[in-house]
Amino acid sequence: MAASGPDPKLGEILRQERESQNRSQESLAHDAGLTTIAVGNLERGDSDPYWSTVRAILSALGLSYQELGRRLDRSA
């Protein structure tokens, strides 16, 4: 079974939410305890993040797993 790559929809949803809050990648990275490079890579779909990374970003954005799931379902 081949490994799946990162889902570009995840990064797009997180970028849209960050932008809707008028936040920079730097601000989000700081609040999530990540590097700006990590946030940028995730938003572009260049990396397959650990759940701990997704959890940290969701927390920093004030977004629940349920809401993320709804947005992913709508974009499918």
PDB file of N, CA and C in Angstrom:
ATOM      1  N   MET A   1       0.842  -1.170   0.000  1.00  0.00           N
ATOM      2  CA  MET A   1       0.000   0.000   0.000  1.00  0.00           C
ATOM      3  C   MET A   1       0.894   1.243   0.000  1.00  0.00           C
ATOM      4  N   ALA A   2       0.665   2.134  -0.930  1.00  0.00           N
ATOM      5  CA  ALA A   2       1.466   3.358  -1.040  1.00  0.00           C
ATOM      6  C   ALA A   2       1.068   4.358   0.034  1.00  0.00           C
ATOM      7  N   ALA A   3       2.053   5.085   0.516  1.00  0.00           N
ATOM      8  CA  ALA A   3       1.777   6.119   1.513  1.00  0.00           C
ATOM      9  C   ALA A   3       1.104   7.292   0.819  1.00  0.00           C
ATOM     10  N   SER A   4       0.167   7.884   1.521  1.00  0.00           N
ATOM     11  CA  SER A   4      -0.500   9.046   0.938  1.00  0.00           C
ATOM     12  C   SER A   4       0.260  10.308   1.326  1.00  0.00           C
ATOM     13  N   GLY A   5       0.220  11.285   0.447  1.00  0.00           N
ATOM     14  CA  GLY A   5       0.878  12.555   0.714  1.00  0.00           C
ATOM     15  C   GLY A   5      -0.045  13.473   1.487  1.00  0.00           C
ATOM     16  N   PRO A   6       0.422  14.676   1.735  1.00  0.00           N
ATOM     17  CA  PRO A   6      -0.397  15.630   2.470  1.00  0.00           C
ATOM     18  C   PRO A   6      -1.636  16.021   1.669  1.00  0.00           C
ATOM     19  N   ASP A   7      -2.708  16.294   2.375  1.00  0.00           N
ATOM     20  CA  ASP A   7      -3.952  16.720   1.741  1.00  0.00           C
ATOM     21  C   ASP A   7      -3.905  18.233   1.557  1.00  0.00           C
ATOM     22  N   PRO A   8      -3.852  18.712   0.323  1.00  0.00           N
ATOM     23  CA  PRO A   8      -3.754  20.162   0.109  1.00  0.00           C
ATOM     24  C   PRO A   8      -4.968  20.921   0.634  1.00  0.00           C
ATOM     25  N   LYS A   9      -6.114  20.232   0.779  1.00  0.00           N
ATOM     26  CA  LYS A   9      -7.314  20.889   1.307  1.00  0.00           C
ATOM     27  C   LYS A   9      -7.099  21.335   2.749  1.00  0.00           C
ATOM     28  N   LEU A  10      -6.359  20.559   3.521  1.00  0.00           N
ATOM     29  CA  LEU A  10      -6.099  20.916   4.915  1.00  0.00           C
ATOM     30  C   LEU A  10      -5.367  22.252   4.977  1.00  0.00           C
ATOM     31  N   GLY A  11      -4.305  22.373   4.228  1.00  0.00           N
ATOM     32  CA  GLY A  11      -3.535  23.614   4.229  1.00  0.00           C
ATOM     33  C   GLY A  11      -4.344  24.801   3.751  1.00  0.00           C
ATOM     34  N   GLU A  12      -5.168  24.575   2.731  1.00  0.00           N
ATOM     35  CA  GLU A  12      -6.005  25.652   2.199  1.00  0.00           C
ATOM     36  C   GLU A  12      -7.012  26.138   3.245  1.00  0.00           C
ATOM     37  N   ILE A  13      -7.625  25.210   3.952  1.00  0.00           N
ATOM     38  CA  ILE A  13      -8.591  25.578   4.993  1.00  0.00           C
ATOM     39  C   ILE A  13      -7.905  26.356   6.112  1.00  0.00           C
ATOM     40  N   LEU A  14      -6.740  25.883   6.522  1.00  0.00           N
ATOM     41  CA  LEU A  14      -6.024  26.576   7.605  1.00  0.00           C
ATOM     42  C   LEU A  14      -5.575  27.969   7.154  1.00  0.00           C
ATOM     43  N   ARG A  15      -5.119  28.088   5.911  1.00  0.00           N
ATOM     44  CA  ARG A  15      -4.721  29.397   5.387  1.00  0.00           C
ATOM     45  C   ARG A  15      -5.921  30.339   5.333  1.00  0.00           C
ATOM     46  N   GLN A  16      -7.060  29.843   4.836  1.00  0.00           N
ATOM     47  CA  GLN A  16      -8.260  30.671   4.753  1.00  0.00           C
ATOM     48  C   GLN A  16      -8.681  31.164   6.134  1.00  0.00           C
ATOM     49  N   GLU A  17      -8.628  30.272   7.116  1.00  0.00           N
ATOM     50  CA  GLU A  17      -9.008  30.673   8.474  1.00  0.00           C
ATOM     51  C   GLU A  17      -8.031  31.705   9.027  1.00  0.00           C
ATOM     52  N   ARG A  18      -6.737  31.475   8.820  1.00  0.00           N
ATOM     53  CA  ARG A  18      -5.739  32.430   9.292  1.00  0.00           C
ATOM     54  C   ARG A  18      -5.975  33.793   8.655  1.00  0.00           C
ATOM     55  N   GLU A  19      -6.197  33.812   7.363  1.00  0.00           N
ATOM     56  CA  GLU A  19      -6.419  35.077   6.670  1.00  0.00           C
ATOM     57  C   GLU A  19      -7.723  35.744   7.091  1.00  0.00           C
ATOM     58  N   SER A  20      -8.757  34.946   7.384  1.00  0.00           N
ATOM     59  CA  SER A  20     -10.032  35.529   7.823  1.00  0.00           C
ATOM     60  C   SER A  20      -9.881  36.220   9.178  1.00  0.00           C
ATOM     61  N   GLN A  21      -8.873  35.810   9.931  1.00  0.00           N
ATOM     62  CA  GLN A  21      -8.578  36.428  11.226  1.00  0.00           C
ATOM     63  C   GLN A  21      -7.544  37.549  11.088  1.00  0.00           C
ATOM     64  N   ASN A  22      -7.165  37.863   9.844  1.00  0.00           N
ATOM     65  CA  ASN A  22      -6.158  38.898   9.559  1.00  0.00           C
ATOM     66  C   ASN A  22      -4.858  38.654  10.320  1.00  0.00           C
ATOM     67  N   ARG A  23      -4.442  37.385  10.309  1.00  0.00           N
ATOM     68  CA  ARG A  23      -3.211  37.010  11.009  1.00  0.00           C
ATOM     69  C   ARG A  23      -2.135  36.652  10.005  1.00  0.00           C
ATOM     70  N   SER A  24      -0.911  36.923  10.376  1.00  0.00           N
ATOM     71  CA  SER A  24       0.234  36.545   9.560  1.00  0.00           C
ATOM     72  C   SER A  24       0.651  35.111   9.896  1.00  0.00           C
ATOM     73  N   GLN A  25       1.432  34.536   8.996  1.00  0.00           N
ATOM     74  CA  GLN A  25       2.004  33.220   9.299  1.00  0.00           C
ATOM     75  C   GLN A  25       2.882  33.316  10.539  1.00  0.00           C
ATOM     76  N   GLU A  26       3.584  34.419  10.694  1.00  0.00           N
ATOM     77  CA  GLU A  26       4.464  34.603  11.845  1.00  0.00           C
ATOM     78  C   GLU A  26       3.680  34.594  13.156  1.00  0.00           C
ATOM     79  N   SER A  27       2.544  35.304  13.173  1.00  0.00           N
ATOM     80  CA  SER A  27       1.713  35.350  14.369  1.00  0.00           C
ATOM     81  C   SER A  27       1.174  33.971  14.718  1.00  0.00           C
ATOM     82  N   LEU A  28       0.661  33.274  13.703  1.00  0.00           N
ATOM     83  CA  LEU A  28       0.124  31.932  13.938  1.00  0.00           C
ATOM     84  C   LEU A  28       1.216  30.991  14.406  1.00  0.00           C
ATOM     85  N   ALA A  29       2.367  31.041  13.757  1.00  0.00           N
ATOM     86  CA  ALA A  29       3.475  30.173  14.152  1.00  0.00           C
ATOM     87  C   ALA A  29       3.864  30.422  15.603  1.00  0.00           C
ATOM     88  N   HIS A  30       3.951  31.678  15.991  1.00  0.00           N
ATOM     89  CA  HIS A  30       4.313  32.014  17.374  1.00  0.00           C
ATOM     90  C   HIS A  30       3.299  31.429  18.347  1.00  0.00           C
ATOM     91  N   ASP A  31       2.011  31.653  18.089  1.00  0.00           N
ATOM     92  CA  ASP A  31       0.968  31.181  19.001  1.00  0.00           C
ATOM     93  C   ASP A  31       0.866  29.660  19.041  1.00  0.00           C
ATOM     94  N   ALA A  32       1.232  29.005  17.943  1.00  0.00           N
ATOM     95  CA  ALA A  32       1.157  27.541  17.882  1.00  0.00           C
ATOM     96  C   ALA A  32       2.454  26.871  18.335  1.00  0.00           C
ATOM     97  N   GLY A  33       3.496  27.669  18.590  1.00  0.00           N
ATOM     98  CA  GLY A  33       4.776  27.099  18.998  1.00  0.00           C
ATOM     99  C   GLY A  33       5.498  26.426  17.857  1.00  0.00           C
ATOM    100  N   LEU A  34       5.304  26.946  16.645  1.00  0.00           N
ATOM    101  CA  LEU A  34       5.911  26.375  15.448  1.00  0.00           C
ATOM    102  C   LEU A  34       6.780  27.419  14.765  1.00  0.00           C
ATOM    103  N   THR A  35       7.477  26.987  13.735  1.00  0.00           N
ATOM    104  CA  THR A  35       8.226  27.938  12.934  1.00  0.00           C
ATOM    105  C   THR A  35       7.343  28.455  11.800  1.00  0.00           C
ATOM    106  N   THR A  36       7.679  29.620  11.294  1.00  0.00           N
ATOM    107  CA  THR A  36       6.955  30.173  10.149  1.00  0.00           C
ATOM    108  C   THR A  36       7.108  29.249   8.949  1.00  0.00           C
ATOM    109  N   ILE A  37       8.262  28.649   8.802  1.00  0.00           N
ATOM    110  CA  ILE A  37       8.494  27.703   7.703  1.00  0.00           C
ATOM    111  C   ILE A  37       7.525  26.531   7.798  1.00  0.00           C
ATOM    112  N   ALA A  38       7.319  26.007   9.000  1.00  0.00           N
ATOM    113  CA  ALA A  38       6.400  24.877   9.186  1.00  0.00           C
ATOM    114  C   ALA A  38       4.976  25.264   8.800  1.00  0.00           C
ATOM    115  N   VAL A  39       4.542  26.448   9.202  1.00  0.00           N
ATOM    116  CA  VAL A  39       3.191  26.907   8.865  1.00  0.00           C
ATOM    117  C   VAL A  39       3.064  27.078   7.351  1.00  0.00           C
ATOM    118  N   GLY A  40       4.044  27.700   6.734  1.00  0.00           N
ATOM    119  CA  GLY A  40       4.014  27.892   5.286  1.00  0.00           C
ATOM    120  C   GLY A  40       3.992  26.579   4.532  1.00  0.00           C
ATOM    121  N   ASN A  41       4.819  25.636   4.951  1.00  0.00           N
ATOM    122  CA  ASN A  41       4.846  24.316   4.307  1.00  0.00           C
ATOM    123  C   ASN A  41       3.497  23.624   4.409  1.00  0.00           C
ATOM    124  N   LEU A  42       2.870  23.710   5.565  1.00  0.00           N
ATOM    125  CA  LEU A  42       1.569  23.080   5.764  1.00  0.00           C
ATOM    126  C   LEU A  42       0.509  23.758   4.895  1.00  0.00           C
ATOM    127  N   GLU A  43       0.502  25.071   4.865  1.00  0.00           N
ATOM    128  CA  GLU A  43      -0.491  25.797   4.068  1.00  0.00           C
ATOM    129  C   GLU A  43      -0.346  25.502   2.572  1.00  0.00           C
ATOM    130  N   ARG A  44       0.870  25.294   2.116  1.00  0.00           N
ATOM    131  CA  ARG A  44       1.107  24.990   0.698  1.00  0.00           C
ATOM    132  C   ARG A  44       0.912  23.508   0.369  1.00  0.00           C
ATOM    133  N   GLY A  45       0.752  22.688   1.393  1.00  0.00           N
ATOM    134  CA  GLY A  45       0.622  21.249   1.168  1.00  0.00           C
ATOM    135  C   GLY A  45       1.950  20.584   0.905  1.00  0.00           C
ATOM    136  N   ASP A  46       3.037  21.234   1.332  1.00  0.00           N
ATOM    137  CA  ASP A  46       4.377  20.693   1.104  1.00  0.00           C
ATOM    138  C   ASP A  46       4.821  19.711   2.185  1.00  0.00           C
ATOM    139  N   SER A  47       4.044  19.604   3.250  1.00  0.00           N
ATOM    140  CA  SER A  47       4.433  18.690   4.324  1.00  0.00           C
ATOM    141  C   SER A  47       3.214  17.931   4.815  1.00  0.00           C
ATOM    142  N   ASP A  48       3.461  16.749   5.320  1.00  0.00           N
ATOM    143  CA  ASP A  48       2.422  15.906   5.903  1.00  0.00           C
ATOM    144  C   ASP A  48       2.587  16.031   7.416  1.00  0.00           C
ATOM    145  N   PRO A  49       1.763  16.871   8.063  1.00  0.00           N
ATOM    146  CA  PRO A  49       2.014  17.219   9.466  1.00  0.00           C
ATOM    147  C   PRO A  49       1.643  16.106  10.443  1.00  0.00           C
ATOM    148  N   TYR A  50       2.302  16.141  11.588  1.00  0.00           N
ATOM    149  CA  TYR A  50       1.895  15.309  12.714  1.00  0.00           C
ATOM    150  C   TYR A  50       0.592  15.881  13.252  1.00  0.00           C
ATOM    151  N   TRP A  51      -0.203  15.022  13.894  1.00  0.00           N
ATOM    152  CA  TRP A  51      -1.447  15.516  14.492  1.00  0.00           C
ATOM    153  C   TRP A  51      -1.173  16.560  15.560  1.00  0.00           C
ATOM    154  N   SER A  52      -0.035  16.446  16.237  1.00  0.00           N
ATOM    155  CA  SER A  52       0.291  17.454  17.267  1.00  0.00           C
ATOM    156  C   SER A  52       0.451  18.834  16.633  1.00  0.00           C
ATOM    157  N   THR A  53       0.960  18.877  15.400  1.00  0.00           N
ATOM    158  CA  THR A  53       1.101  20.145  14.689  1.00  0.00           C
ATOM    159  C   THR A  53      -0.267  20.694  14.313  1.00  0.00           C
ATOM    160  N   VAL A  54      -1.125  19.831  13.786  1.00  0.00           N
ATOM    161  CA  VAL A  54      -2.484  20.256  13.429  1.00  0.00           C
ATOM    162  C   VAL A  54      -3.213  20.737  14.679  1.00  0.00           C
ATOM    163  N   ARG A  55      -3.088  19.997  15.760  1.00  0.00           N
ATOM    164  CA  ARG A  55      -3.742  20.370  17.019  1.00  0.00           C
ATOM    165  C   ARG A  55      -3.267  21.738  17.496  1.00  0.00           C
ATOM    166  N   ALA A  56      -1.967  21.994  17.414  1.00  0.00           N
ATOM    167  CA  ALA A  56      -1.425  23.285  17.856  1.00  0.00           C
ATOM    168  C   ALA A  56      -1.960  24.431  16.995  1.00  0.00           C
ATOM    169  N   ILE A  57      -2.045  24.211  15.687  1.00  0.00           N
ATOM    170  CA  ILE A  57      -2.561  25.250  14.796  1.00  0.00           C
ATOM    171  C   ILE A  57      -4.048  25.477  15.045  1.00  0.00           C
ATOM    172  N   LEU A  58      -4.809  24.395  15.169  1.00  0.00           N
ATOM    173  CA  LEU A  58      -6.240  24.547  15.445  1.00  0.00           C
ATOM    174  C   LEU A  58      -6.464  25.320  16.735  1.00  0.00           C
ATOM    175  N   SER A  59      -5.695  24.992  17.754  1.00  0.00           N
ATOM    176  CA  SER A  59      -5.829  25.693  19.032  1.00  0.00           C
ATOM    177  C   SER A  59      -5.511  27.175  18.877  1.00  0.00           C
ATOM    178  N   ALA A  60      -4.435  27.482  18.168  1.00  0.00           N
ATOM    179  CA  ALA A  60      -4.043  28.880  17.973  1.00  0.00           C
ATOM    180  C   ALA A  60      -5.080  29.647  17.160  1.00  0.00           C
ATOM    181  N   LEU A  61      -5.787  28.945  16.266  1.00  0.00           N
ATOM    182  CA  LEU A  61      -6.825  29.587  15.459  1.00  0.00           C
ATOM    183  C   LEU A  61      -8.192  29.592  16.141  1.00  0.00           C
ATOM    184  N   GLY A  62      -8.319  28.833  17.240  1.00  0.00           N
ATOM    185  CA  GLY A  62      -9.616  28.718  17.903  1.00  0.00           C
ATOM    186  C   GLY A  62     -10.601  27.893  17.087  1.00  0.00           C
ATOM    187  N   LEU A  63     -10.072  26.913  16.369  1.00  0.00           N
ATOM    188  CA  LEU A  63     -10.876  26.079  15.479  1.00  0.00           C
ATOM    189  C   LEU A  63     -10.946  24.669  16.068  1.00  0.00           C
ATOM    190  N   SER A  64     -12.144  24.086  16.094  1.00  0.00           N
ATOM    191  CA  SER A  64     -12.302  22.737  16.642  1.00  0.00           C
ATOM    192  C   SER A  64     -12.042  21.681  15.574  1.00  0.00           C
ATOM    193  N   TYR A  65     -11.772  20.451  16.016  1.00  0.00           N
ATOM    194  CA  TYR A  65     -11.628  19.328  15.094  1.00  0.00           C
ATOM    195  C   TYR A  65     -12.925  19.143  14.306  1.00  0.00           C
ATOM    196  N   GLN A  66     -14.055  19.338  14.979  1.00  0.00           N
ATOM    197  CA  GLN A  66     -15.345  19.162  14.328  1.00  0.00           C
ATOM    198  C   GLN A  66     -15.521  20.163  13.180  1.00  0.00           C
ATOM    199  N   GLU A  67     -15.179  21.413  13.436  1.00  0.00           N
ATOM    200  CA  GLU A  67     -15.306  22.422  12.390  1.00  0.00           C
ATOM    201  C   GLU A  67     -14.342  22.127  11.240  1.00  0.00           C
ATOM    202  N   LEU A  68     -13.128  21.726  11.561  1.00  0.00           N
ATOM    203  CA  LEU A  68     -12.176  21.356  10.516  1.00  0.00           C
ATOM    204  C   LEU A  68     -12.740  20.214   9.684  1.00  0.00           C
ATOM    205  N   GLY A  69     -13.306  19.218  10.346  1.00  0.00           N
ATOM    206  CA  GLY A  69     -13.900  18.085   9.627  1.00  0.00           C
ATOM    207  C   GLY A  69     -15.033  18.526   8.715  1.00  0.00           C
ATOM    208  N   ARG A  70     -15.889  19.422   9.200  1.00  0.00           N
ATOM    209  CA  ARG A  70     -16.991  19.932   8.369  1.00  0.00           C
ATOM    210  C   ARG A  70     -16.444  20.653   7.135  1.00  0.00           C
ATOM    211  N   ARG A  71     -15.424  21.470   7.332  1.00  0.00           N
ATOM    212  CA  ARG A  71     -14.851  22.203   6.205  1.00  0.00           C
ATOM    213  C   ARG A  71     -14.174  21.267   5.210  1.00  0.00           C
ATOM    214  N   LEU A  72     -13.499  20.237   5.715  1.00  0.00           N
ATOM    215  CA  LEU A  72     -12.888  19.258   4.820  1.00  0.00           C
ATOM    216  C   LEU A  72     -13.959  18.512   4.025  1.00  0.00           C
ATOM    217  N   ASP A  73     -15.055  18.149   4.683  1.00  0.00           N
ATOM    218  CA  ASP A  73     -16.142  17.458   3.989  1.00  0.00           C
ATOM    219  C   ASP A  73     -16.758  18.333   2.901  1.00  0.00           C
ATOM    220  N   ARG A  74     -16.920  19.632   3.192  1.00  0.00           N
ATOM    221  CA  ARG A  74     -17.514  20.544   2.211  1.00  0.00           C
ATOM    222  C   ARG A  74     -16.597  20.751   1.003  1.00  0.00           C
ATOM    223  N   SER A  75     -15.297  20.634   1.218  1.00  0.00           N
ATOM    224  CA  SER A  75     -14.361  20.870   0.113  1.00  0.00           C
ATOM    225  C   SER A  75     -14.105  19.621  -0.723  1.00  0.00           C
ATOM    226  N   ALA A  76     -14.657  18.502  -0.270  1.00  0.00           N
ATOM    227  CA  ALA A  76     -14.420  17.230  -0.998  1.00  0.00           C
ATOM    228  C   ALA A  76     -15.167  17.175  -2.300  1.00  0.00           C
TER     229      ALA A  76
END
